[in-house]
C-alpha cells in the first residue's frame, strides 16, 4: 500500500469514528485548540483517544485524563441530566484523596414533577411563580446533599458554573474547602448574587480557582468496535 492509500485509509477511519461518536464538550478556553461543536444542548460530553501502544511496551499509556479534567468532566456529564432548557449545570464533590462523594445537577426537588412546574426564565404576566427560580435546586446543593451522609467538610467541589450567593452559603456551611469552577455567569459588573458569592467565599477562607483544562475535548464512543 503506497503513502497515498495510507492517507486515504487513515482519513476514512478517523471520519468513521467521529461519525459514530457522541461528543460532550469540555469547553476549552484556549483559542489555539479549536474543536467543532455538536449542537445537542448547551453542554456536551467528553472523551479522548490515544495512539495504540505496542503490547510489548511496559510503560503506561500517555494521554490519560488529569484528575482535574476527570472530575470536571463528571460535572459536565452530570449537567446533561438536567431538564432545564436554558442552562444545564453540573457539580461533583470530591474528597481530598480523590474519591467522588456526590454528584448533582440543577433540577426540581425529589417528588416534585418536572412536568408540572415551570421551566421558564420569565413570566408573561410578571408572576415569579410562573418561572423556575422559586422551585429549582442548584447543582452544588444537590451534589452536597447526594453524598449518602458523607461529610463535605474539607472536600473539593467541581462545578461547571461559578456558584451564586445562595449556593455559596451552603458550600460554606457544609465545610467544603475548595471550589473549582469552569465558567462565571456575568450578566453585568453589578450582579449582586455573584459579587456577594465571591465576598462570602473569600471571607470564609475557601480556596476558589478556575479550571484550566489540559485537553480541548474528549470523545465517547457507544459501540463495541
C-alpha atoms as a PDB file:
ATOM      1  CA  UNK A   1       0.000   0.000   0.000  1.00  0.00           C
ATOM      2  CA  UNK A   2       1.529   3.332  -1.060  1.00  0.00           C
ATOM      3  CA  UNK A   3       1.590   6.513   1.027  1.00  0.00           C
ATOM      4  CA  UNK A   4      -1.464   7.966  -0.751  1.00  0.00           C
ATOM      5  CA  UNK A   5      -3.538   4.869   0.075  1.00  0.00           C
ATOM      6  CA  UNK A   6      -2.408   5.012   3.688  1.00  0.00           C
ATOM      7  CA  UNK A   7      -3.556   8.627   3.960  1.00  0.00           C
ATOM      8  CA  UNK A   8      -6.963   7.783   2.465  1.00  0.00           C
ATOM      9  CA  UNK A   9      -7.460   4.801   4.798  1.00  0.00           C
ATOM     10  CA  UNK A  10      -6.424   6.824   7.839  1.00  0.00           C
ATOM     11  CA  UNK A  11      -8.751   9.672   6.905  1.00  0.00           C
ATOM     12  CA  UNK A  12     -11.688   7.313   6.389  1.00  0.00           C
ATOM     13  CA  UNK A  13     -11.048   5.660   9.759  1.00  0.00           C
ATOM     14  CA  UNK A  14     -10.988   8.994  11.579  1.00  0.00           C
ATOM     15  CA  UNK A  15     -14.164  10.234   9.867  1.00  0.00           C
ATOM     16  CA  UNK A  16     -15.938   6.981  10.669  1.00  0.00           C
ATOM     17  CA  UNK A  17     -15.006   7.235  14.334  1.00  0.00           C
ATOM     18  CA  UNK A  18     -16.187  10.830  14.521  1.00  0.00           C
ATOM     19  CA  UNK A  19     -19.481   9.987  12.855  1.00  0.00           C
ATOM     20  CA  UNK A  20     -20.226   7.255  15.419  1.00  0.00           C
ATOM     21  CA  UNK A  21     -19.215   9.274  18.472  1.00  0.00           C
ATOM     22  CA  UNK A  22     -21.321  11.264  20.885  1.00  0.00           C
ATOM     23  CA  UNK A  23     -19.455  14.440  21.729  1.00  0.00           C
ATOM     24  CA  UNK A  24     -19.638  16.242  25.014  1.00  0.00           C
ATOM     25  CA  UNK A  25     -17.809  19.492  25.140  1.00  0.00           C
ATOM     26  CA  UNK A  26     -15.321  20.265  27.896  1.00  0.00           C
ATOM     27  CA  UNK A  27     -15.230  23.938  26.801  1.00  0.00           C
ATOM     28  CA  UNK A  28     -11.640  24.843  26.108  1.00  0.00           C
ATOM     29  CA  UNK A  29     -10.665  28.390  26.944  1.00  0.00           C
ATOM     30  CA  UNK A  30      -7.541  28.035  24.804  1.00  0.00           C
ATOM     31  CA  UNK A  31      -8.205  29.639  21.375  1.00  0.00           C
ATOM     32  CA  UNK A  32      -5.266  27.718  19.910  1.00  0.00           C
ATOM     33  CA  UNK A  33      -7.150  24.444  20.380  1.00  0.00           C
ATOM     34  CA  UNK A  34     -10.408  24.844  18.435  1.00  0.00           C
ATOM     35  CA  UNK A  35     -12.868  21.998  18.074  1.00  0.00           C
ATOM     36  CA  UNK A  36     -16.219  21.561  16.396  1.00  0.00           C
ATOM     37  CA  UNK A  37     -19.383  21.648  18.478  1.00  0.00           C
ATOM     38  CA  UNK A  38     -22.358  19.349  18.011  1.00  0.00           C
ATOM     39  CA  UNK A  39     -25.457  21.386  18.899  1.00  0.00           C
ATOM     40  CA  UNK A  40     -27.375  18.928  21.040  1.00  0.00           C
ATOM     41  CA  UNK A  41     -27.620  21.068  24.173  1.00  0.00           C
ATOM     42  CA  UNK A  42     -25.782  23.833  25.950  1.00  0.00           C
ATOM     43  CA  UNK A  43     -23.212  21.449  27.365  1.00  0.00           C
ATOM     44  CA  UNK A  44     -21.826  18.383  25.619  1.00  0.00           C
ATOM     45  CA  UNK A  45     -19.927  15.226  26.934  1.00  0.00           C
ATOM     46  CA  UNK A  46     -16.312  14.028  26.598  1.00  0.00           C
ATOM     47  CA  UNK A  47     -13.507  11.522  25.932  1.00  0.00           C
ATOM     48  CA  UNK A  48     -10.110  11.245  24.396  1.00  0.00           C
ATOM     49  CA  UNK A  49      -8.422   8.684  22.220  1.00  0.00           C
ATOM     50  CA  UNK A  50      -4.698   7.965  22.422  1.00  0.00           C
ATOM     51  CA  UNK A  51      -2.439   6.216  19.927  1.00  0.00           C
ATOM     52  CA  UNK A  52      -2.175   2.431  20.162  1.00  0.00           C
ATOM     53  CA  UNK A  53       0.749   1.209  22.175  1.00  0.00           C
ATOM     54  CA  UNK A  54       2.864  -1.849  21.422  1.00  0.00           C
ATOM     55  CA  UNK A  55       1.776  -4.864  23.513  1.00  0.00           C
ATOM     56  CA  UNK A  56       5.466  -5.332  24.383  1.00  0.00           C
ATOM     57  CA  UNK A  57       5.838  -1.769  25.726  1.00  0.00           C
ATOM     58  CA  UNK A  58       5.959  -1.974  29.564  1.00  0.00           C
ATOM     59  CA  UNK A  59       5.292   1.741  30.099  1.00  0.00           C
ATOM     60  CA  UNK A  60       1.926   3.278  30.978  1.00  0.00           C
ATOM     61  CA  UNK A  61      -0.049   4.995  28.248  1.00  0.00           C
ATOM     62  CA  UNK A  62       0.104   8.698  27.510  1.00  0.00           C
ATOM     63  CA  UNK A  63      -2.907  10.951  27.084  1.00  0.00           C
ATOM     64  CA  UNK A  64      -4.892   9.855  30.141  1.00  0.00           C
ATOM     65  CA  UNK A  65      -7.064  12.429  31.943  1.00  0.00           C
ATOM     66  CA  UNK A  66      -5.674  14.613  34.681  1.00  0.00           C
ATOM     67  CA  UNK A  67      -7.597  14.473  37.959  1.00  0.00           C
ATOM     68  CA  UNK A  68      -8.954  17.995  37.430  1.00  0.00           C
ATOM     69  CA  UNK A  69     -10.170  17.235  33.902  1.00  0.00           C
ATOM     70  CA  UNK A  70     -11.647  13.937  35.114  1.00  0.00           C
ATOM     71  CA  UNK A  71     -13.714  15.485  37.913  1.00  0.00           C
ATOM     72  CA  UNK A  72     -14.773  18.490  35.847  1.00  0.00           C
ATOM     73  CA  UNK A  73     -15.792  16.116  33.038  1.00  0.00           C
ATOM     74  CA  UNK A  74     -18.023  14.253  35.502  1.00  0.00           C
ATOM     75  CA  UNK A  75     -19.588  17.581  36.469  1.00  0.00           C
ATOM     76  CA  UNK A  76     -20.297  18.301  32.782  1.00  0.00           C
ATOM     77  CA  UNK A  77     -21.673  14.806  32.257  1.00  0.00           C
ATOM     78  CA  UNK A  78     -23.969  15.258  35.271  1.00  0.00           C
ATOM     79  CA  UNK A  79     -25.231  18.516  33.752  1.00  0.00           C
ATOM     80  CA  UNK A  80     -26.558  16.517  30.789  1.00  0.00           C
ATOM     81  CA  UNK A  81     -29.188  15.055  33.153  1.00  0.00           C
ATOM     82  CA  UNK A  82     -30.704  18.500  33.764  1.00  0.00           C
ATOM     83  CA  UNK A  83     -34.140  19.172  32.243  1.00  0.00           C
ATOM     84  CA  UNK A  84     -33.562  22.926  32.242  1.00  0.00           C
ATOM     85  CA  UNK A  85     -33.917  24.105  28.625  1.00  0.00           C
ATOM     86  CA  UNK A  86     -31.869  27.259  29.196  1.00  0.00           C
ATOM     87  CA  UNK A  87     -28.893  26.300  31.323  1.00  0.00           C
ATOM     88  CA  UNK A  88     -27.586  22.920  32.457  1.00  0.00           C
ATOM     89  CA  UNK A  89     -25.197  22.971  35.413  1.00  0.00           C
ATOM     90  CA  UNK A  90     -23.384  20.020  36.981  1.00  0.00           C
ATOM     91  CA  UNK A  91     -21.310  19.552  40.129  1.00  0.00           C
ATOM     92  CA  UNK A  92     -19.035  16.876  41.568  1.00  0.00           C
ATOM     93  CA  UNK A  93     -17.993  16.692  45.224  1.00  0.00           C
ATOM     94  CA  UNK A  94     -14.608  15.021  45.717  1.00  0.00           C
ATOM     95  CA  UNK A  95     -12.649  14.049  48.829  1.00  0.00           C
ATOM     96  CA  UNK A  96      -9.072  15.177  49.323  1.00  0.00           C
ATOM     97  CA  UNK A  97      -7.838  11.695  48.355  1.00  0.00           C
ATOM     98  CA  UNK A  98      -9.767  11.681  45.060  1.00  0.00           C
ATOM     99  CA  UNK A  99     -12.932   9.771  45.982  1.00  0.00           C
ATOM    100  CA  UNK A 100     -16.177  11.023  44.440  1.00  0.00           C
ATOM    101  CA  UNK A 101     -18.637  11.650  47.257  1.00  0.00           C
ATOM    102  CA  UNK A 102     -21.582  13.127  45.378  1.00  0.00           C
ATOM    103  CA  UNK A 103     -22.741  14.488  42.033  1.00  0.00           C
ATOM    104  CA  UNK A 104     -25.646  16.732  41.132  1.00  0.00           C
ATOM    105  CA  UNK A 105     -27.309  18.904  38.521  1.00  0.00           C
ATOM    106  CA  UNK A 106     -29.891  21.674  38.546  1.00  0.00           C
ATOM    107  CA  UNK A 107     -33.463  20.449  38.795  1.00  0.00           C
ATOM    108  CA  UNK A 108     -36.570  20.370  40.971  1.00  0.00           C
ATOM    109  CA  UNK A 109     -36.631  18.701  44.417  1.00  0.00           C
ATOM    110  CA  UNK A 110     -37.331  14.987  44.726  1.00  0.00           C
ATOM    111  CA  UNK A 111     -41.013  14.160  44.351  1.00  0.00           C
ATOM    112  CA  UNK A 112     -41.773  17.428  42.530  1.00  0.00           C
ATOM    113  CA  UNK A 113     -42.752  16.664  38.951  1.00  0.00           C
ATOM    114  CA  UNK A 114     -40.623  18.390  36.336  1.00  0.00           C
ATOM    115  CA  UNK A 115     -43.669  18.204  34.039  1.00  0.00           C
ATOM    116  CA  UNK A 116     -45.931  20.176  36.389  1.00  0.00           C
ATOM    117  CA  UNK A 117     -43.605  23.001  37.429  1.00  0.00           C
ATOM    118  CA  UNK A 118     -42.463  25.749  35.018  1.00  0.00           C
ATOM    119  CA  UNK A 119     -39.023  25.857  33.406  1.00  0.00           C
ATOM    120  CA  UNK A 120     -39.431  29.408  32.082  1.00  0.00           C
ATOM    121  CA  UNK A 121     -36.894  32.131  32.894  1.00  0.00           C
ATOM    122  CA  UNK A 122     -39.527  34.874  32.615  1.00  0.00           C
ATOM    123  CA  UNK A 123     -43.268  35.152  33.131  1.00  0.00           C
ATOM    124  CA  UNK A 124     -45.564  36.776  30.589  1.00  0.00           C
ATOM    125  CA  UNK A 125     -47.720  38.110  33.451  1.00  0.00           C
ATOM    126  CA  UNK A 126     -44.746  39.064  35.621  1.00  0.00           C
ATOM    127  CA  UNK A 127     -45.589  36.421  38.228  1.00  0.00           C
ATOM    128  CA  UNK A 128     -42.346  34.910  39.597  1.00  0.00           C
ATOM    129  CA  UNK A 129     -44.250  31.713  40.469  1.00  0.00           C
ATOM    130  CA  UNK A 130     -44.570  31.098  36.730  1.00  0.00           C
ATOM    131  CA  UNK A 131     -40.766  30.852  36.434  1.00  0.00           C
ATOM    132  CA  UNK A 132     -38.318  28.137  37.514  1.00  0.00           C
ATOM    133  CA  UNK A 133     -36.485  30.190  40.123  1.00  0.00           C
ATOM    134  CA  UNK A 134     -38.695  29.607  43.194  1.00  0.00           C
ATOM    135  CA  UNK A 135     -38.568  25.828  42.639  1.00  0.00           C
ATOM    136  CA  UNK A 136     -35.210  24.742  41.252  1.00  0.00           C
ATOM    137  CA  UNK A 137     -32.378  23.210  43.317  1.00  0.00           C
ATOM    138  CA  UNK A 138     -28.902  24.162  42.152  1.00  0.00           C
ATOM    139  CA  UNK A 139     -26.300  21.585  41.151  1.00  0.00           C
ATOM    140  CA  UNK A 140     -23.935  22.455  44.014  1.00  0.00           C
ATOM    141  CA  UNK A 141     -26.650  21.873  46.606  1.00  0.00           C
ATOM    142  CA  UNK A 142     -27.644  18.550  45.056  1.00  0.00           C
ATOM    143  CA  UNK A 143     -24.038  17.325  44.942  1.00  0.00           C
ATOM    144  CA  UNK A 144     -23.557  18.127  48.618  1.00  0.00           C
ATOM    145  CA  UNK A 145     -26.880  16.521  49.595  1.00  0.00           C
ATOM    146  CA  UNK A 146     -26.303  13.414  47.440  1.00  0.00           C
ATOM    147  CA  UNK A 147     -23.345  12.205  49.496  1.00  0.00           C
ATOM    148  CA  UNK A 148     -25.127   9.376  51.365  1.00  0.00           C
ATOM    149  CA  UNK A 149     -24.425  11.168  54.643  1.00  0.00           C
ATOM    150  CA  UNK A 150     -20.691  11.533  53.982  1.00  0.00           C
ATOM    151  CA  UNK A 151     -19.327  14.798  55.323  1.00  0.00           C
ATOM    152  CA  UNK A 152     -18.497  17.564  52.842  1.00  0.00           C
ATOM    153  CA  UNK A 153     -16.077  19.109  55.336  1.00  0.00           C
ATOM    154  CA  UNK A 154     -12.624  19.641  53.861  1.00  0.00           C
ATOM    155  CA  UNK A 155     -13.660  18.379  50.422  1.00  0.00           C
ATOM    156  CA  UNK A 156     -13.382  19.859  46.911  1.00  0.00           C
ATOM    157  CA  UNK A 157     -16.369  20.869  44.794  1.00  0.00           C
ATOM    158  CA  UNK A 158     -16.088  20.895  40.991  1.00  0.00           C
ATOM    159  CA  UNK A 159     -18.849  22.893  39.315  1.00  0.00           C
ATOM    160  CA  UNK A 160     -19.431  23.893  35.699  1.00  0.00           C
ATOM    161  CA  UNK A 161     -20.731  27.355  36.688  1.00  0.00           C
ATOM    162  CA  UNK A 162     -19.455  29.660  39.436  1.00  0.00           C
ATOM    163  CA  UNK A 163     -21.871  29.372  42.397  1.00  0.00           C
ATOM    164  CA  UNK A 164     -24.329  32.134  43.237  1.00  0.00           C
ATOM    165  CA  UNK A 165     -24.557  33.643  46.729  1.00  0.00           C
ATOM    166  CA  UNK A 166     -27.215  31.190  47.959  1.00  0.00           C
ATOM    167  CA  UNK A 167     -25.075  28.224  46.919  1.00  0.00           C
ATOM    168  CA  UNK A 168     -22.002  29.888  48.417  1.00  0.00           C
ATOM    169  CA  UNK A 169     -23.743  29.968  51.803  1.00  0.00           C
ATOM    170  CA  UNK A 170     -24.463  26.229  51.642  1.00  0.00           C
ATOM    171  CA  UNK A 171     -20.934  25.485  50.427  1.00  0.00           C
ATOM    172  CA  UNK A 172     -19.519  27.390  53.392  1.00  0.00           C
ATOM    173  CA  UNK A 173     -21.881  25.838  55.927  1.00  0.00           C
ATOM    174  CA  UNK A 174     -21.148  22.317  54.650  1.00  0.00           C
ATOM    175  CA  UNK A 175     -17.415  22.780  55.222  1.00  0.00           C
ATOM    176  CA  UNK A 176     -16.204  22.476  51.601  1.00  0.00           C
ATOM    177  CA  UNK A 177     -12.603  23.714  51.495  1.00  0.00           C
ATOM    178  CA  UNK A 178     -12.122  24.362  47.756  1.00  0.00           C
ATOM    179  CA  UNK A 179     -14.319  25.298  44.794  1.00  0.00           C
ATOM    180  CA  UNK A 180     -13.122  24.636  41.238  1.00  0.00           C
ATOM    181  CA  UNK A 181     -15.374  26.230  38.615  1.00  0.00           C
ATOM    182  CA  UNK A 182     -15.324  26.251  34.842  1.00  0.00           C
ATOM    183  CA  UNK A 183     -17.053  29.494  33.902  1.00  0.00           C
ATOM    184  CA  UNK A 184     -18.584  32.533  35.520  1.00  0.00           C
ATOM    185  CA  UNK A 185     -22.067  33.807  34.838  1.00  0.00           C
ATOM    186  CA  UNK A 186     -21.515  37.510  34.428  1.00  0.00           C
ATOM    187  CA  UNK A 187     -24.647  39.377  33.380  1.00  0.00           C
ATOM    188  CA  UNK A 188     -23.055  42.701  34.289  1.00  0.00           C
ATOM    189  CA  UNK A 189     -20.452  44.064  36.661  1.00  0.00           C
ATOM    190  CA  UNK A 190     -23.046  44.765  39.359  1.00  0.00           C
ATOM    191  CA  UNK A 191     -24.576  41.294  39.530  1.00  0.00           C
ATOM    192  CA  UNK A 192     -25.222  41.199  43.277  1.00  0.00           C
ATOM    193  CA  UNK A 193     -25.570  37.426  43.622  1.00  0.00           C
ATOM    194  CA  UNK A 194     -22.067  36.752  42.260  1.00  0.00           C
ATOM    195  CA  UNK A 195     -20.329  39.695  43.907  1.00  0.00           C
ATOM    196  CA  UNK A 196     -21.768  38.501  47.222  1.00  0.00           C
ATOM    197  CA  UNK A 197     -20.706  34.919  46.433  1.00  0.00           C
ATOM    198  CA  UNK A 198     -17.098  35.960  45.827  1.00  0.00           C
ATOM    199  CA  UNK A 199     -17.108  38.016  49.013  1.00  0.00           C
ATOM    200  CA  UNK A 200     -18.567  35.229  51.154  1.00  0.00           C
ATOM    201  CA  UNK A 201     -16.223  32.521  49.842  1.00  0.00           C
ATOM    202  CA  UNK A 202     -13.218  34.788  50.333  1.00  0.00           C
ATOM    203  CA  UNK A 203     -14.214  35.749  53.889  1.00  0.00           C
ATOM    204  CA  UNK A 204     -14.768  32.078  54.777  1.00  0.00           C
ATOM    205  CA  UNK A 205     -11.263  31.214  53.602  1.00  0.00           C
ATOM    206  CA  UNK A 206     -12.437  28.825  50.898  1.00  0.00           C
ATOM    207  CA  UNK A 207      -9.970  28.363  48.069  1.00  0.00           C
ATOM    208  CA  UNK A 208     -11.516  29.235  44.695  1.00  0.00           C
ATOM    209  CA  UNK A 209      -9.876  28.606  41.333  1.00  0.00           C
ATOM    210  CA  UNK A 210     -10.853  28.482  37.679  1.00  0.00           C
ATOM    211  CA  UNK A 211     -10.397  25.125  35.975  1.00  0.00           C
ATOM    212  CA  UNK A 212      -7.730  25.117  33.281  1.00  0.00           C
ATOM    213  CA  UNK A 213      -8.364  22.111  31.002  1.00  0.00           C
ATOM    214  CA  UNK A 214      -5.340  20.242  29.697  1.00  0.00           C
ATOM    215  CA  UNK A 215      -7.259  18.916  26.684  1.00  0.00           C
ATOM    216  CA  UNK A 216      -9.687  20.544  24.265  1.00  0.00           C
ATOM    217  CA  UNK A 217     -12.282  17.762  24.107  1.00  0.00           C
ATOM    218  CA  UNK A 218     -12.999  14.088  24.729  1.00  0.00           C
ATOM    219  CA  UNK A 219     -14.940  11.638  22.555  1.00  0.00           C
ATOM    220  CA  UNK A 220     -17.017   8.807  23.951  1.00  0.00           C
ATOM    221  CA  UNK A 221     -17.951   6.000  21.548  1.00  0.00           C
ATOM    222  CA  UNK A 222     -21.059   3.976  22.353  1.00  0.00           C
ATOM    223  CA  UNK A 223     -20.277   0.943  20.226  1.00  0.00           C
ATOM    224  CA  UNK A 224     -18.390  -2.318  20.624  1.00  0.00           C
ATOM    225  CA  UNK A 225     -15.941  -1.813  17.809  1.00  0.00           C
END
